[in-house]
Amino acid sequence: MSIWWSLHLRREAASVPLARRLLLGTMESAGVDPDISYDLSVALSEACANAVEHGGGGVPSEAYRVTAYLDGEKCRIEVTDSGPGFAPRPALRPVRADSEHGRGLYLIRELADHVDIAVKPGREGTIVSFDKILKWRQDAPLMAV
């Protein structure tokens, strides 16, 4: 069983819960274990929040893209923005609990099985992609075989 979808979203805070709800609905319909769905939805929210805050190169109306693939036993999510890009640190350490920034990428790395952060050629945006092995409910209608 394979499901994929892609959203082209404006860089507005209201777009983050929209992407999260679509992911949660897709996973519930497919029969993915709720704990796995929750982990991926939090990671997606963090990636989208980063795209909204940092991904427009100073142009607030620019869009970003979210693509999700449920393919067999794995879910892969990509969030692509058009911001200035950045050089991610090789090893992200937890930030202080009272810090207002810097927890997003750390959380994504903790919640996903594999994370890749790439800067598009010419430093014209960032692609945050992550995946997780799926677990299925016993009554999953679309469970992978």
Protein backbone atom coordinates (compact mmCIF):
# COMPACT_ATOMS: atom_id res chain seq x y z
CA MET A 1 0.00 0.00 0.00
CA SER A 2 1.27 3.43 -0.92
CA ILE A 3 -0.21 6.85 -0.22
CA TRP A 4 1.39 10.19 -0.99
CA TRP A 5 0.26 13.78 -0.95
CA SER A 6 1.85 17.17 -1.41
CA LEU A 7 0.75 20.59 -0.16
CA HIS A 8 1.86 24.00 -1.35
CA LEU A 9 1.32 26.27 1.68
CA ARG A 10 1.71 29.97 2.39
CA ARG A 11 4.26 30.85 5.04
CA GLU A 12 1.64 31.62 7.66
CA ALA A 13 1.27 30.15 11.12
CA ALA A 14 -2.23 28.85 10.23
CA SER A 15 -0.69 26.46 7.68
CA VAL A 16 1.08 24.39 10.35
CA PRO A 17 -2.01 22.80 11.95
CA LEU A 18 -3.50 22.23 8.48
CA ALA A 19 -0.52 20.08 7.44
CA ARG A 20 -0.56 18.28 10.80
CA ARG A 21 -4.29 17.47 10.58
CA LEU A 22 -3.93 16.12 7.05
CA LEU A 23 -1.07 13.85 8.12
CA LEU A 24 -2.95 12.60 11.19
CA GLY A 25 -6.10 11.96 9.14
CA THR A 26 -4.18 10.05 6.49
CA MET A 27 -2.45 7.89 9.07
CA GLU A 28 -5.65 7.21 10.99
CA SER A 29 -7.45 6.20 7.79
CA ALA A 30 -4.58 3.91 6.82
CA GLY A 31 -4.49 2.30 10.27
CA VAL A 32 -1.11 3.50 11.50
CA ASP A 33 -0.46 3.08 15.23
CA PRO A 34 -1.51 6.31 17.03
CA ASP A 35 1.84 6.69 18.84
CA ILE A 36 3.74 6.63 15.54
CA SER A 37 1.24 9.06 14.01
CA TYR A 38 1.65 11.43 16.94
CA ASP A 39 5.47 11.37 16.76
CA LEU A 40 5.42 12.14 13.04
CA SER A 41 2.82 14.87 13.45
CA VAL A 42 4.93 16.64 16.08
CA ALA A 43 8.02 16.35 13.87
CA LEU A 44 6.03 17.71 10.91
CA SER A 45 4.75 20.63 13.01
CA GLU A 46 8.31 21.54 13.97
CA ALA A 47 9.55 21.36 10.37
CA CYS A 48 6.62 23.47 9.15
CA ALA A 49 7.12 26.03 11.94
CA ASN A 50 10.77 26.35 10.88
CA ALA A 51 9.73 26.87 7.24
CA VAL A 52 7.18 29.51 8.27
CA GLU A 53 9.66 31.37 10.48
CA HIS A 54 12.90 31.03 8.50
CA GLY A 55 12.02 29.82 5.02
CA GLY A 56 11.16 32.84 2.97
CA GLY A 57 14.25 34.89 2.52
CA GLY A 58 12.51 37.91 4.03
CA VAL A 59 9.40 37.64 1.85
CA PRO A 60 6.49 36.70 4.16
CA SER A 61 4.10 35.68 1.37
CA GLU A 62 6.35 33.01 -0.13
CA ALA A 63 5.19 29.44 0.09
CA TYR A 64 6.69 26.19 1.26
CA ARG A 65 5.91 22.60 0.31
CA VAL A 66 5.10 19.55 2.42
CA THR A 67 5.15 16.09 0.87
CA ALA A 68 4.33 12.87 2.72
CA TYR A 69 4.85 9.32 1.48
CA LEU A 70 3.44 6.26 3.23
CA ASP A 71 5.01 3.41 1.35
CA GLY A 72 4.95 -0.11 2.74
CA GLU A 73 6.47 -0.07 6.19
CA LYS A 74 7.84 3.49 6.13
CA CYS A 75 6.61 7.07 6.16
CA ARG A 76 8.83 9.78 4.66
CA ILE A 77 8.06 13.48 5.04
CA GLU A 78 9.77 16.39 3.26
CA VAL A 79 9.36 20.08 4.03
CA THR A 80 10.93 22.37 1.43
CA ASP A 81 11.21 26.14 1.74
CA SER A 82 12.73 28.90 -0.37
CA GLY A 83 14.69 30.70 2.34
CA PRO A 84 18.38 31.51 2.40
CA GLY A 85 19.36 28.05 3.62
CA PHE A 86 21.77 27.37 6.45
CA ALA A 87 24.61 25.10 7.40
CA PRO A 88 23.19 22.62 9.93
CA ARG A 89 25.44 21.60 12.77
CA PRO A 90 26.49 17.95 12.51
CA ALA A 91 25.40 17.04 16.04
CA LEU A 92 22.49 18.90 17.56
CA ARG A 93 22.47 19.01 21.33
CA PRO A 94 19.43 19.60 23.49
CA VAL A 95 18.82 23.25 24.25
CA ARG A 96 17.95 24.72 27.61
CA ALA A 97 14.34 24.19 28.68
CA ASP A 98 13.73 27.94 28.96
CA SER A 99 15.07 28.69 25.46
CA GLU A 100 12.52 30.09 23.01
CA HIS A 101 14.31 28.82 19.89
CA GLY A 102 16.44 25.93 18.75
CA ARG A 103 14.40 22.89 19.82
CA GLY A 104 12.71 22.08 16.50
CA LEU A 105 15.46 20.20 14.69
CA TYR A 106 16.46 18.45 17.90
CA LEU A 107 12.86 17.24 18.38
CA ILE A 108 12.63 16.05 14.78
CA ARG A 109 15.83 14.02 15.24
CA GLU A 110 14.46 12.48 18.44
CA LEU A 111 11.06 11.55 16.97
CA ALA A 112 12.11 10.21 13.56
CA ASP A 113 14.27 7.21 12.63
CA HIS A 114 16.31 9.10 10.03
CA VAL A 115 16.65 12.83 9.34
CA ASP A 116 18.33 14.64 6.46
CA ILE A 117 18.75 18.40 6.23
CA ALA A 118 19.94 19.71 2.88
CA VAL A 119 20.41 23.15 1.41
CA LYS A 120 19.18 23.42 -2.16
CA PRO A 121 21.82 24.37 -4.76
CA GLY A 122 22.73 28.04 -4.66
CA ARG A 123 21.55 28.23 -1.02
CA GLU A 124 18.01 28.85 -2.27
CA GLY A 125 16.09 27.01 0.39
CA THR A 126 16.24 24.09 2.76
CA ILE A 127 14.83 20.58 2.54
CA VAL A 128 14.14 18.87 5.86
CA SER A 129 13.26 15.23 5.28
CA PHE A 130 12.67 12.53 7.85
CA ASP A 131 11.26 9.05 7.98
CA LYS A 132 9.98 6.52 10.45
CA ILE A 133 9.18 2.83 10.31
CA LEU A 134 5.42 2.37 10.65
CA LYS A 135 3.57 0.18 13.09
CA TRP A 136 -0.03 -0.73 12.36
CA ARG A 137 -3.19 -1.14 14.42
CA GLN A 138 -4.60 -4.67 14.51
CA ASP A 139 -7.66 -3.54 12.53
CA ALA A 140 -5.70 -1.45 10.00
CA PRO A 141 -7.69 -1.31 6.73
CA LEU A 142 -4.65 -0.47 4.58
CA MET A 143 -1.95 -2.34 6.49
CA ALA A 144 1.14 -3.17 4.46
CA VAL A 145 1.56 -6.85 3.71
